Amino acid sequence: MSDVTDAQGHRLDQIRLVGVSATGYHGVFEHERREGQTFVVDVVVHLDTRRAAARDDLAHTLDYGALAQQVVAVIEGPPADLIETVAERVAATVLADGAVSAVDVSVQ
């Protein structure tokens, strides 16, 4: 993963959630949809945490506990044929937070 910068060229910070897991019913095969399987998701969120750090204030950063719950909700949510679709849903959920500039998602 390379460095991500904001519009002014400042290197953004990263918050990493590694190993968020839940059972999902994604896949193109009938048995995957019927039996389900454990999906493990890693998320790297790129954002500016300077204001939050200076003020020690959660309101100015990403609540990674809430983010983990949102990732689980995607995994457990409506089935998708492709793992790429699951990754895209996770990315869209993360990017909906206005503090987030970019996100890397890995689904296993």
PDB file of N, CA and C in Angstrom:
ATOM      1  N   MET A   1       0.833  -1.176   0.000  1.00  0.00           N
ATOM      2  CA  MET A   1       0.000   0.000   0.000  1.00  0.00           C
ATOM      3  C   MET A   1       0.881   1.243   0.000  1.00  0.00           C
ATOM      4  N   SER A   2       0.591   2.129  -0.879  1.00  0.00           N
ATOM      5  CA  SER A   2       1.398   3.339  -0.975  1.00  0.00           C
ATOM      6  C   SER A   2       0.792   4.439  -0.109  1.00  0.00           C
ATOM      7  N   ASP A   3       1.585   5.485   0.070  1.00  0.00           N
ATOM      8  CA  ASP A   3       1.107   6.630   0.831  1.00  0.00           C
ATOM      9  C   ASP A   3      -0.013   7.318   0.065  1.00  0.00           C
ATOM     10  N   VAL A   4      -0.970   7.813   0.808  1.00  0.00           N
ATOM     11  CA  VAL A   4      -2.072   8.577   0.235  1.00  0.00           C
ATOM     12  C   VAL A   4      -1.961   9.980   0.800  1.00  0.00           C
ATOM     13  N   THR A   5      -2.132  10.970  -0.056  1.00  0.00           N
ATOM     14  CA  THR A   5      -2.030  12.357   0.385  1.00  0.00           C
ATOM     15  C   THR A   5      -3.349  13.077   0.166  1.00  0.00           C
ATOM     16  N   ASP A   6      -3.540  14.174   0.915  1.00  0.00           N
ATOM     17  CA  ASP A   6      -4.724  14.999   0.729  1.00  0.00           C
ATOM     18  C   ASP A   6      -4.474  16.008  -0.390  1.00  0.00           C
ATOM     19  N   ALA A   7      -5.427  16.887  -0.625  1.00  0.00           N
ATOM     20  CA  ALA A   7      -5.337  17.852  -1.728  1.00  0.00           C
ATOM     21  C   ALA A   7      -4.144  18.796  -1.583  1.00  0.00           C
ATOM     22  N   GLN A   8      -3.681  19.007  -0.353  1.00  0.00           N
ATOM     23  CA  GLN A   8      -2.539  19.888  -0.116  1.00  0.00           C
ATOM     24  C   GLN A   8      -1.212  19.133  -0.116  1.00  0.00           C
ATOM     25  N   GLY A   9      -1.259  17.843  -0.373  1.00  0.00           N
ATOM     26  CA  GLY A   9      -0.041  17.052  -0.426  1.00  0.00           C
ATOM     27  C   GLY A   9       0.420  16.500   0.912  1.00  0.00           C
ATOM     28  N   HIS A  10      -0.379  16.673   1.976  1.00  0.00           N
ATOM     29  CA  HIS A  10      -0.025  16.104   3.276  1.00  0.00           C
ATOM     30  C   HIS A  10      -0.296  14.603   3.275  1.00  0.00           C
ATOM     31  N   ARG A  11       0.650  13.849   3.787  1.00  0.00           N
ATOM     32  CA  ARG A  11       0.482  12.397   3.889  1.00  0.00           C
ATOM     33  C   ARG A  11      -0.616  12.097   4.908  1.00  0.00           C
ATOM     34  N   LEU A  12      -1.564  11.262   4.516  1.00  0.00           N
ATOM     35  CA  LEU A  12      -2.662  10.913   5.410  1.00  0.00           C
ATOM     36  C   LEU A  12      -2.248   9.791   6.352  1.00  0.00           C
ATOM     37  N   ASP A  13      -2.904   9.757   7.489  1.00  0.00           N
ATOM     38  CA  ASP A  13      -2.682   8.712   8.469  1.00  0.00           C
ATOM     39  C   ASP A  13      -3.485   7.483   8.069  1.00  0.00           C
ATOM     40  N   GLN A  14      -3.205   6.376   8.750  1.00  0.00           N
ATOM     41  CA  GLN A  14      -3.924   5.139   8.472  1.00  0.00           C
ATOM     42  C   GLN A  14      -4.471   4.553   9.759  1.00  0.00           C
ATOM     43  N   ILE A  15      -5.685   4.078   9.669  1.00  0.00           N
ATOM     44  CA  ILE A  15      -6.268   3.250  10.723  1.00  0.00           C
ATOM     45  C   ILE A  15      -6.511   1.893  10.086  1.00  0.00           C
ATOM     46  N   ARG A  16      -5.950   0.853  10.694  1.00  0.00           N
ATOM     47  CA  ARG A  16      -6.062  -0.496  10.147  1.00  0.00           C
ATOM     48  C   ARG A  16      -6.949  -1.356  11.038  1.00  0.00           C
ATOM     49  N   LEU A  17      -7.927  -1.984  10.415  1.00  0.00           N
ATOM     50  CA  LEU A  17      -8.718  -3.017  11.076  1.00  0.00           C
ATOM     51  C   LEU A  17      -8.342  -4.325  10.390  1.00  0.00           C
ATOM     52  N   VAL A  18      -7.801  -5.244  11.141  1.00  0.00           N
ATOM     53  CA  VAL A  18      -7.305  -6.489  10.565  1.00  0.00           C
ATOM     54  C   VAL A  18      -8.059  -7.657  11.192  1.00  0.00           C
ATOM     55  N   GLY A  19      -8.575  -8.525  10.324  1.00  0.00           N
ATOM     56  CA  GLY A  19      -9.190  -9.756  10.810  1.00  0.00           C
ATOM     57  C   GLY A  19     -10.624  -9.633  11.266  1.00  0.00           C
ATOM     58  N   VAL A  20     -11.373  -8.698  10.721  1.00  0.00           N
ATOM     59  CA  VAL A  20     -12.795  -8.595  11.058  1.00  0.00           C
ATOM     60  C   VAL A  20     -13.493  -9.771  10.366  1.00  0.00           C
ATOM     61  N   SER A  21     -14.135 -10.640  11.140  1.00  0.00           N
ATOM     62  CA  SER A  21     -14.717 -11.833  10.535  1.00  0.00           C
ATOM     63  C   SER A  21     -16.167 -12.023  10.927  1.00  0.00           C
ATOM     64  N   ALA A  22     -16.891 -12.664  10.013  1.00  0.00           N
ATOM     65  CA  ALA A  22     -18.291 -13.003  10.227  1.00  0.00           C
ATOM     66  C   ALA A  22     -18.687 -14.029   9.179  1.00  0.00           C
ATOM     67  N   THR A  23     -19.823 -14.636   9.377  1.00  0.00           N
ATOM     68  CA  THR A  23     -20.335 -15.601   8.410  1.00  0.00           C
ATOM     69  C   THR A  23     -21.188 -14.885   7.380  1.00  0.00           C
ATOM     70  N   GLY A  24     -20.891 -15.175   6.115  1.00  0.00           N
ATOM     71  CA  GLY A  24     -21.667 -14.618   5.014  1.00  0.00           C
ATOM     72  C   GLY A  24     -22.105 -15.720   4.075  1.00  0.00           C
ATOM     73  N   TYR A  25     -23.036 -15.401   3.229  1.00  0.00           N
ATOM     74  CA  TYR A  25     -23.609 -16.376   2.294  1.00  0.00           C
ATOM     75  C   TYR A  25     -23.363 -15.931   0.857  1.00  0.00           C
ATOM     76  N   HIS A  26     -22.143 -15.534   0.583  1.00  0.00           N
ATOM     77  CA  HIS A  26     -21.748 -15.022  -0.720  1.00  0.00           C
ATOM     78  C   HIS A  26     -21.118 -16.139  -1.548  1.00  0.00           C
ATOM     79  N   GLY A  27     -21.250 -16.031  -2.854  1.00  0.00           N
ATOM     80  CA  GLY A  27     -20.613 -16.978  -3.751  1.00  0.00           C
ATOM     81  C   GLY A  27     -21.521 -17.341  -4.903  1.00  0.00           C
ATOM     82  N   VAL A  28     -20.927 -17.931  -5.918  1.00  0.00           N
ATOM     83  CA  VAL A  28     -21.688 -18.304  -7.104  1.00  0.00           C
ATOM     84  C   VAL A  28     -22.234 -19.726  -7.012  1.00  0.00           C
ATOM     85  N   PHE A  29     -21.722 -20.501  -6.079  1.00  0.00           N
ATOM     86  CA  PHE A  29     -22.169 -21.884  -5.955  1.00  0.00           C
ATOM     87  C   PHE A  29     -23.289 -22.005  -4.930  1.00  0.00           C
ATOM     88  N   GLU A  30     -24.210 -22.903  -5.201  1.00  0.00           N
ATOM     89  CA  GLU A  30     -25.368 -23.088  -4.328  1.00  0.00           C
ATOM     90  C   GLU A  30     -24.961 -23.420  -2.893  1.00  0.00           C
ATOM     91  N   HIS A  31     -23.959 -24.285  -2.724  1.00  0.00           N
ATOM     92  CA  HIS A  31     -23.550 -24.665  -1.368  1.00  0.00           C
ATOM     93  C   HIS A  31     -22.975 -23.469  -0.595  1.00  0.00           C
ATOM     94  N   GLU A  32     -22.334 -22.527  -1.279  1.00  0.00           N
ATOM     95  CA  GLU A  32     -21.809 -21.335  -0.598  1.00  0.00           C
ATOM     96  C   GLU A  32     -22.960 -20.488  -0.062  1.00  0.00           C
ATOM     97  N   ARG A  33     -24.002 -20.372  -0.842  1.00  0.00           N
ATOM     98  CA  ARG A  33     -25.175 -19.594  -0.433  1.00  0.00           C
ATOM     99  C   ARG A  33     -25.963 -20.312   0.657  1.00  0.00           C
ATOM    100  N   ARG A  34     -26.024 -21.629   0.585  1.00  0.00           N
ATOM    101  CA  ARG A  34     -26.813 -22.417   1.537  1.00  0.00           C
ATOM    102  C   ARG A  34     -26.087 -22.557   2.884  1.00  0.00           C
ATOM    103  N   GLU A  35     -24.819 -22.934   2.839  1.00  0.00           N
ATOM    104  CA  GLU A  35     -24.081 -23.248   4.060  1.00  0.00           C
ATOM    105  C   GLU A  35     -23.370 -22.041   4.662  1.00  0.00           C
ATOM    106  N   GLY A  36     -23.049 -21.075   3.836  1.00  0.00           N
ATOM    107  CA  GLY A  36     -22.297 -19.921   4.318  1.00  0.00           C
ATOM    108  C   GLY A  36     -20.850 -20.283   4.571  1.00  0.00           C
ATOM    109  N   GLN A  37     -20.058 -19.256   4.809  1.00  0.00           N
ATOM    110  CA  GLN A  37     -18.648 -19.443   5.116  1.00  0.00           C
ATOM    111  C   GLN A  37     -18.135 -18.214   5.858  1.00  0.00           C
ATOM    112  N   THR A  38     -17.025 -18.385   6.526  1.00  0.00           N
ATOM    113  CA  THR A  38     -16.433 -17.274   7.257  1.00  0.00           C
ATOM    114  C   THR A  38     -15.643 -16.405   6.287  1.00  0.00           C
ATOM    115  N   PHE A  39     -15.944 -15.122   6.324  1.00  0.00           N
ATOM    116  CA  PHE A  39     -15.194 -14.136   5.544  1.00  0.00           C
ATOM    117  C   PHE A  39     -14.382 -13.302   6.520  1.00  0.00           C
ATOM    118  N   VAL A  40     -13.137 -13.031   6.164  1.00  0.00           N
ATOM    119  CA  VAL A  40     -12.256 -12.204   6.980  1.00  0.00           C
ATOM    120  C   VAL A  40     -11.899 -10.973   6.156  1.00  0.00           C
ATOM    121  N   VAL A  41     -12.122  -9.804   6.739  1.00  0.00           N
ATOM    122  CA  VAL A  41     -11.903  -8.552   6.029  1.00  0.00           C
ATOM    123  C   VAL A  41     -10.858  -7.717   6.766  1.00  0.00           C
ATOM    124  N   ASP A  42      -9.907  -7.194   5.985  1.00  0.00           N
ATOM    125  CA  ASP A  42      -8.942  -6.220   6.484  1.00  0.00           C
ATOM    126  C   ASP A  42      -9.250  -4.897   5.804  1.00  0.00           C
ATOM    127  N   VAL A  43      -9.213  -3.831   6.579  1.00  0.00           N
ATOM    128  CA  VAL A  43      -9.515  -2.504   6.058  1.00  0.00           C
ATOM    129  C   VAL A  43      -8.408  -1.545   6.490  1.00  0.00           C
ATOM    130  N   VAL A  44      -7.892  -0.780   5.528  1.00  0.00           N
ATOM    131  CA  VAL A  44      -6.951   0.302   5.831  1.00  0.00           C
ATOM    132  C   VAL A  44      -7.640   1.595   5.420  1.00  0.00           C
ATOM    133  N   VAL A  45      -7.895   2.437   6.409  1.00  0.00           N
ATOM    134  CA  VAL A  45      -8.589   3.701   6.179  1.00  0.00           C
ATOM    135  C   VAL A  45      -7.556   4.825   6.167  1.00  0.00           C
ATOM    136  N   HIS A  46      -7.606   5.660   5.140  1.00  0.00           N
ATOM    137  CA  HIS A  46      -6.684   6.785   5.014  1.00  0.00           C
ATOM    138  C   HIS A  46      -7.440   8.062   5.353  1.00  0.00           C
ATOM    139  N   LEU A  47      -6.953   8.788   6.353  1.00  0.00           N
ATOM    140  CA  LEU A  47      -7.600  10.013   6.795  1.00  0.00           C
ATOM    141  C   LEU A  47      -6.614  10.887   7.550  1.00  0.00           C
ATOM    142  N   ASP A  48      -7.014  12.107   7.767  1.00  0.00           N
ATOM    143  CA  ASP A  48      -6.196  13.060   8.511  1.00  0.00           C
ATOM    144  C   ASP A  48      -6.630  13.001   9.976  1.00  0.00           C
ATOM    145  N   THR A  49      -5.746  12.526  10.840  1.00  0.00           N
ATOM    146  CA  THR A  49      -6.092  12.403  12.267  1.00  0.00           C
ATOM    147  C   THR A  49      -5.474  13.507  13.131  1.00  0.00           C
ATOM    148  N   ARG A  50      -4.865  14.506  12.497  1.00  0.00           N
ATOM    149  CA  ARG A  50      -4.173  15.547  13.275  1.00  0.00           C
ATOM    150  C   ARG A  50      -5.113  16.272  14.235  1.00  0.00           C
ATOM    151  N   ARG A  51      -6.263  16.674  13.762  1.00  0.00           N
ATOM    152  CA  ARG A  51      -7.204  17.421  14.618  1.00  0.00           C
ATOM    153  C   ARG A  51      -7.677  16.550  15.778  1.00  0.00           C
ATOM    154  N   ALA A  52      -8.004  15.307  15.498  1.00  0.00           N
ATOM    155  CA  ALA A  52      -8.449  14.400  16.557  1.00  0.00           C
ATOM    156  C   ALA A  52      -7.351  14.191  17.595  1.00  0.00           C
ATOM    157  N   ALA A  53      -6.118  14.005  17.126  1.00  0.00           N
ATOM    158  CA  ALA A  53      -5.006  13.778  18.047  1.00  0.00           C
ATOM    159  C   ALA A  53      -4.723  15.010  18.897  1.00  0.00           C
ATOM    160  N   ALA A  54      -4.778  16.174  18.274  1.00  0.00           N
ATOM    161  CA  ALA A  54      -4.495  17.408  19.007  1.00  0.00           C
ATOM    162  C   ALA A  54      -5.529  17.670  20.088  1.00  0.00           C
ATOM    163  N   ARG A  55      -6.760  17.292  19.809  1.00  0.00           N
ATOM    164  CA  ARG A  55      -7.855  17.555  20.761  1.00  0.00           C
ATOM    165  C   ARG A  55      -8.245  16.317  21.567  1.00  0.00           C
ATOM    166  N   ASP A  56      -7.639  15.173  21.239  1.00  0.00           N
ATOM    167  CA  ASP A  56      -7.983  13.912  21.896  1.00  0.00           C
ATOM    168  C   ASP A  56      -9.496  13.698  21.852  1.00  0.00           C
ATOM    169  N   ASP A  57     -10.062  13.846  20.640  1.00  0.00           N
ATOM    170  CA  ASP A  57     -11.515  13.885  20.482  1.00  0.00           C
ATOM    171  C   ASP A  57     -11.960  12.940  19.368  1.00  0.00           C
ATOM    172  N   LEU A  58     -12.725  11.933  19.738  1.00  0.00           N
ATOM    173  CA  LEU A  58     -13.234  10.948  18.795  1.00  0.00           C
ATOM    174  C   LEU A  58     -14.106  11.573  17.713  1.00  0.00           C
ATOM    175  N   ALA A  59     -14.734  12.691  18.011  1.00  0.00           N
ATOM    176  CA  ALA A  59     -15.624  13.334  17.044  1.00  0.00           C
ATOM    177  C   ALA A  59     -14.885  13.778  15.778  1.00  0.00           C
ATOM    178  N   HIS A  60     -13.558  13.871  15.832  1.00  0.00           N
ATOM    179  CA  HIS A  60     -12.778  14.362  14.693  1.00  0.00           C
ATOM    180  C   HIS A  60     -11.991  13.251  13.986  1.00  0.00           C
ATOM    181  N   THR A  61     -12.401  12.027  14.215  1.00  0.00           N
ATOM    182  CA  THR A  61     -11.738  10.898  13.552  1.00  0.00           C
ATOM    183  C   THR A  61     -12.760   9.808  13.308  1.00  0.00           C
ATOM    184  N   LEU A  62     -12.296   8.655  12.944  1.00  0.00           N
ATOM    185  CA  LEU A  62     -13.134   7.517  12.642  1.00  0.00           C
ATOM    186  C   LEU A  62     -13.277   6.639  13.876  1.00  0.00           C
ATOM    187  N   ASP A  63     -14.498   6.291  14.215  1.00  0.00           N
ATOM    188  CA  ASP A  63     -14.759   5.369  15.320  1.00  0.00           C
ATOM    189  C   ASP A  63     -14.565   3.953  14.778  1.00  0.00           C
ATOM    190  N   TYR A  64     -13.405   3.358  15.042  1.00  0.00           N
ATOM    191  CA  TYR A  64     -13.110   2.068  14.436  1.00  0.00           C
ATOM    192  C   TYR A  64     -13.932   0.935  15.043  1.00  0.00           C
ATOM    193  N   GLY A  65     -14.479   1.126  16.236  1.00  0.00           N
ATOM    194  CA  GLY A  65     -15.404   0.135  16.791  1.00  0.00           C
ATOM    195  C   GLY A  65     -16.686   0.085  15.972  1.00  0.00           C
ATOM    196  N   ALA A  66     -17.204   1.266  15.648  1.00  0.00           N
ATOM    197  CA  ALA A  66     -18.395   1.346  14.798  1.00  0.00           C
ATOM    198  C   ALA A  66     -18.087   0.831  13.403  1.00  0.00           C
ATOM    199  N   LEU A  67     -16.892   1.132  12.907  1.00  0.00           N
ATOM    200  CA  LEU A  67     -16.500   0.652  11.587  1.00  0.00           C
ATOM    201  C   LEU A  67     -16.481  -0.874  11.549  1.00  0.00           C
ATOM    202  N   ALA A  68     -15.945  -1.500  12.579  1.00  0.00           N
ATOM    203  CA  ALA A  68     -15.915  -2.963  12.631  1.00  0.00           C
ATOM    204  C   ALA A  68     -17.332  -3.531  12.579  1.00  0.00           C
ATOM    205  N   GLN A  69     -18.255  -2.905  13.284  1.00  0.00           N
ATOM    206  CA  GLN A  69     -19.652  -3.349  13.251  1.00  0.00           C
ATOM    207  C   GLN A  69     -20.253  -3.192  11.862  1.00  0.00           C
ATOM    208  N   GLN A  70     -19.899  -2.121  11.174  1.00  0.00           N
ATOM    209  CA  GLN A  70     -20.406  -1.895   9.818  1.00  0.00           C
ATOM    210  C   GLN A  70     -19.854  -2.935   8.846  1.00  0.00           C
ATOM    211  N   VAL A  71     -18.597  -3.292   9.009  1.00  0.00           N
ATOM    212  CA  VAL A  71     -17.994  -4.314   8.152  1.00  0.00           C
ATOM    213  C   VAL A  71     -18.692  -5.654   8.370  1.00  0.00           C
ATOM    214  N   VAL A  72     -18.936  -6.009   9.614  1.00  0.00           N
ATOM    215  CA  VAL A  72     -19.659  -7.243   9.928  1.00  0.00           C
ATOM    216  C   VAL A  72     -21.049  -7.211   9.294  1.00  0.00           C
ATOM    217  N   ALA A  73     -21.720  -6.076   9.350  1.00  0.00           N
ATOM    218  CA  ALA A  73     -23.056  -5.957   8.757  1.00  0.00           C
ATOM    219  C   ALA A  73     -23.017  -6.207   7.251  1.00  0.00           C
ATOM    220  N   VAL A  74     -21.962  -5.758   6.585  1.00  0.00           N
ATOM    221  CA  VAL A  74     -21.826  -6.016   5.144  1.00  0.00           C
ATOM    222  C   VAL A  74     -21.609  -7.508   4.903  1.00  0.00           C
ATOM    223  N   ILE A  75     -20.714  -8.109   5.674  1.00  0.00           N
ATOM    224  CA  ILE A  75     -20.434  -9.542   5.504  1.00  0.00           C
ATOM    225  C   ILE A  75     -21.706 -10.364   5.712  1.00  0.00           C
ATOM    226  N   GLU A  76     -22.467 -10.025   6.746  1.00  0.00           N
ATOM    227  CA  GLU A  76     -23.675 -10.771   7.087  1.00  0.00           C
ATOM    228  C   GLU A  76     -24.882 -10.340   6.260  1.00  0.00           C
ATOM    229  N   GLY A  77     -24.721  -9.303   5.458  1.00  0.00           N
ATOM    230  CA  GLY A  77     -25.824  -8.723   4.711  1.00  0.00           C
ATOM    231  C   GLY A  77     -26.216  -9.517   3.480  1.00  0.00           C
ATOM    232  N   PRO A  78     -26.913  -8.852   2.575  1.00  0.00           N
ATOM    233  CA  PRO A  78     -27.425  -9.525   1.371  1.00  0.00           C
ATOM    234  C   PRO A  78     -26.317 -10.238   0.606  1.00  0.00           C
ATOM    235  N   PRO A  79     -26.598 -11.452   0.150  1.00  0.00           N
ATOM    236  CA  PRO A  79     -25.599 -12.230  -0.574  1.00  0.00           C
ATOM    237  C   PRO A  79     -25.185 -11.571  -1.884  1.00  0.00           C
ATOM    238  N   ALA A  80     -23.947 -11.801  -2.251  1.00  0.00           N
ATOM    239  CA  ALA A  80     -23.406 -11.361  -3.536  1.00  0.00           C
ATOM    240  C   ALA A  80     -22.735 -12.558  -4.184  1.00  0.00           C
ATOM    241  N   ASP A  81     -22.736 -12.581  -5.498  1.00  0.00           N
ATOM    242  CA  ASP A  81     -22.048 -13.657  -6.205  1.00  0.00           C
ATOM    243  C   ASP A  81     -20.532 -13.523  -6.060  1.00  0.00           C
ATOM    244  N   LEU A  82     -20.043 -12.308  -6.157  1.00  0.00           N
ATOM    245  CA  LEU A  82     -18.604 -12.073  -6.229  1.00  0.00           C
ATOM    246  C   LEU A  82     -18.037 -11.482  -4.945  1.00  0.00           C
ATOM    247  N   ILE A  83     -16.839 -11.913  -4.595  1.00  0.00           N
ATOM    248  CA  ILE A  83     -16.128 -11.353  -3.459  1.00  0.00           C
ATOM    249  C   ILE A  83     -15.784  -9.884  -3.733  1.00  0.00           C
ATOM    250  N   GLU A  84     -15.609  -9.540  -5.018  1.00  0.00           N
ATOM    251  CA  GLU A  84     -15.346  -8.154  -5.397  1.00  0.00           C
ATOM    252  C   GLU A  84     -16.526  -7.253  -5.015  1.00  0.00           C
ATOM    253  N   THR A  85     -17.721  -7.788  -5.118  1.00  0.00           N
ATOM    254  CA  THR A  85     -18.916  -7.023  -4.733  1.00  0.00           C
ATOM    255  C   THR A  85     -18.924  -6.782  -3.231  1.00  0.00           C
ATOM    256  N   VAL A  86     -18.554  -7.788  -2.466  1.00  0.00           N
ATOM    257  CA  VAL A  86     -18.472  -7.637  -1.009  1.00  0.00           C
ATOM    258  C   VAL A  86     -17.437  -6.571  -0.662  1.00  0.00           C
ATOM    259  N   ALA A  87     -16.280  -6.619  -1.307  1.00  0.00           N
ATOM    260  CA  ALA A  87     -15.229  -5.627  -1.066  1.00  0.00           C
ATOM    261  C   ALA A  87     -15.717  -4.227  -1.419  1.00  0.00           C
ATOM    262  N   GLU A  88     -16.415  -4.090  -2.521  1.00  0.00           N
ATOM    263  CA  GLU A  88     -16.944  -2.790  -2.932  1.00  0.00           C
ATOM    264  C   GLU A  88     -17.958  -2.263  -1.927  1.00  0.00           C
ATOM    265  N   ARG A  89     -18.788  -3.141  -1.401  1.00  0.00           N
ATOM    266  CA  ARG A  89     -19.778  -2.732  -0.379  1.00  0.00           C
ATOM    267  C   ARG A  89     -19.083  -2.253   0.888  1.00  0.00           C
ATOM    268  N   VAL A  90     -18.035  -2.958   1.288  1.00  0.00           N
ATOM    269  CA  VAL A  90     -17.264  -2.519   2.463  1.00  0.00           C
ATOM    270  C   VAL A  90     -16.645  -1.159   2.182  1.00  0.00           C
ATOM    271  N   ALA A  91     -16.020  -1.002   1.025  1.00  0.00           N
ATOM    272  CA  ALA A  91     -15.382   0.269   0.678  1.00  0.00           C
ATOM    273  C   ALA A  91     -16.393   1.411   0.680  1.00  0.00           C
ATOM    274  N   ALA A  92     -17.557   1.197   0.097  1.00  0.00           N
ATOM    275  CA  ALA A  92     -18.588   2.239   0.054  1.00  0.00           C
ATOM    276  C   ALA A  92     -19.047   2.620   1.456  1.00  0.00           C
ATOM    277  N   THR A  93     -19.156   1.627   2.326  1.00  0.00           N
ATOM    278  CA  THR A  93     -19.545   1.893   3.716  1.00  0.00           C
ATOM    279  C   THR A  93     -18.508   2.759   4.416  1.00  0.00           C
ATOM    280  N   VAL A  94     -17.242   2.434   4.220  1.00  0.00           N
ATOM    281  CA  VAL A  94     -16.162   3.200   4.857  1.00  0.00           C
ATOM    282  C   VAL A  94     -16.105   4.617   4.286  1.00  0.00           C
ATOM    283  N   LEU A  95     -16.199   4.731   2.971  1.00  0.00           N
ATOM    284  CA  LEU A  95     -16.088   6.043   2.331  1.00  0.00           C
ATOM    285  C   LEU A  95     -17.270   6.950   2.625  1.00  0.00           C
ATOM    286  N   ALA A  96     -18.365   6.397   3.128  1.00  0.00           N
ATOM    287  CA  ALA A  96     -19.523   7.219   3.494  1.00  0.00           C
ATOM    288  C   ALA A  96     -19.213   8.140   4.675  1.00  0.00           C
ATOM    289  N   ASP A  97     -18.180   7.797   5.442  1.00  0.00           N
ATOM    290  CA  ASP A  97     -17.755   8.657   6.543  1.00  0.00           C
ATOM    291  C   ASP A  97     -16.977   9.828   5.945  1.00  0.00           C
ATOM    292  N   GLY A  98     -17.418  11.029   6.198  1.00  0.00           N
ATOM    293  CA  GLY A  98     -16.822  12.211   5.608  1.00  0.00           C
ATOM    294  C   GLY A  98     -15.362  12.437   5.933  1.00  0.00           C
ATOM    295  N   ALA A  99     -14.862  11.838   7.006  1.00  0.00           N
ATOM    296  CA  ALA A  99     -13.465  12.024   7.390  1.00  0.00           C
ATOM    297  C   ALA A  99     -12.513  11.170   6.560  1.00  0.00           C
ATOM    298  N   VAL A 100     -13.041  10.182   5.871  1.00  0.00           N
ATOM    299  CA  VAL A 100     -12.224   9.212   5.139  1.00  0.00           C
ATOM    300  C   VAL A 100     -11.929   9.722   3.735  1.00  0.00           C
ATOM    301  N   SER A 101     -10.649   9.683   3.360  1.00  0.00           N
ATOM    302  CA  SER A 101     -10.235  10.099   2.021  1.00  0.00           C
ATOM    303  C   SER A 101     -10.089   8.932   1.061  1.00  0.00           C
ATOM    304  N   ALA A 102      -9.643   7.784   1.578  1.00  0.00           N
ATOM    305  CA  ALA A 102      -9.433   6.606   0.742  1.00  0.00           C
ATOM    306  C   ALA A 102      -9.468   5.372   1.629  1.00  0.00           C
ATOM    307  N   VAL A 103      -9.658   4.210   0.998  1.00  0.00           N
ATOM    308  CA  VAL A 103      -9.708   2.966   1.760  1.00  0.00           C
ATOM    309  C   VAL A 103      -9.150   1.822   0.923  1.00  0.00           C
ATOM    310  N   ASP A 104      -8.464   0.914   1.582  1.00  0.00           N
ATOM    311  CA  ASP A 104      -8.012  -0.338   0.971  1.00  0.00           C
ATOM    312  C   ASP A 104      -8.776  -1.453   1.661  1.00  0.00           C
ATOM    313  N   VAL A 105      -9.310  -2.387   0.884  1.00  0.00           N
ATOM    314  CA  VAL A 105     -10.103  -3.491   1.447  1.00  0.00           C
ATOM    315  C   VAL A 105      -9.555  -4.801   0.921  1.00  0.00           C
ATOM    316  N   SER A 106      -9.402  -5.755   1.824  1.00  0.00           N
ATOM    317  CA  SER A 106      -9.012  -7.116   1.478  1.00  0.00           C
ATOM    318  C   SER A 106     -10.055  -8.053   2.051  1.00  0.00           C
ATOM    319  N   VAL A 107     -10.614  -8.921   1.222  1.00  0.00           N
ATOM    320  CA  VAL A 107     -11.608  -9.903   1.666  1.00  0.00           C
ATOM    321  C   VAL A 107     -11.031 -11.291   1.423  1.00  0.00           C
ATOM    322  N   GLN A 108     -11.047 -12.110   2.465  1.00  0.00           N
ATOM    323  CA  GLN A 108     -10.535 -13.483   2.373  1.00  0.00           C
ATOM    324  C   GLN A 108     -11.646 -14.441   2.687  1.00  0.00           C
TER     325      GLN A 108
END
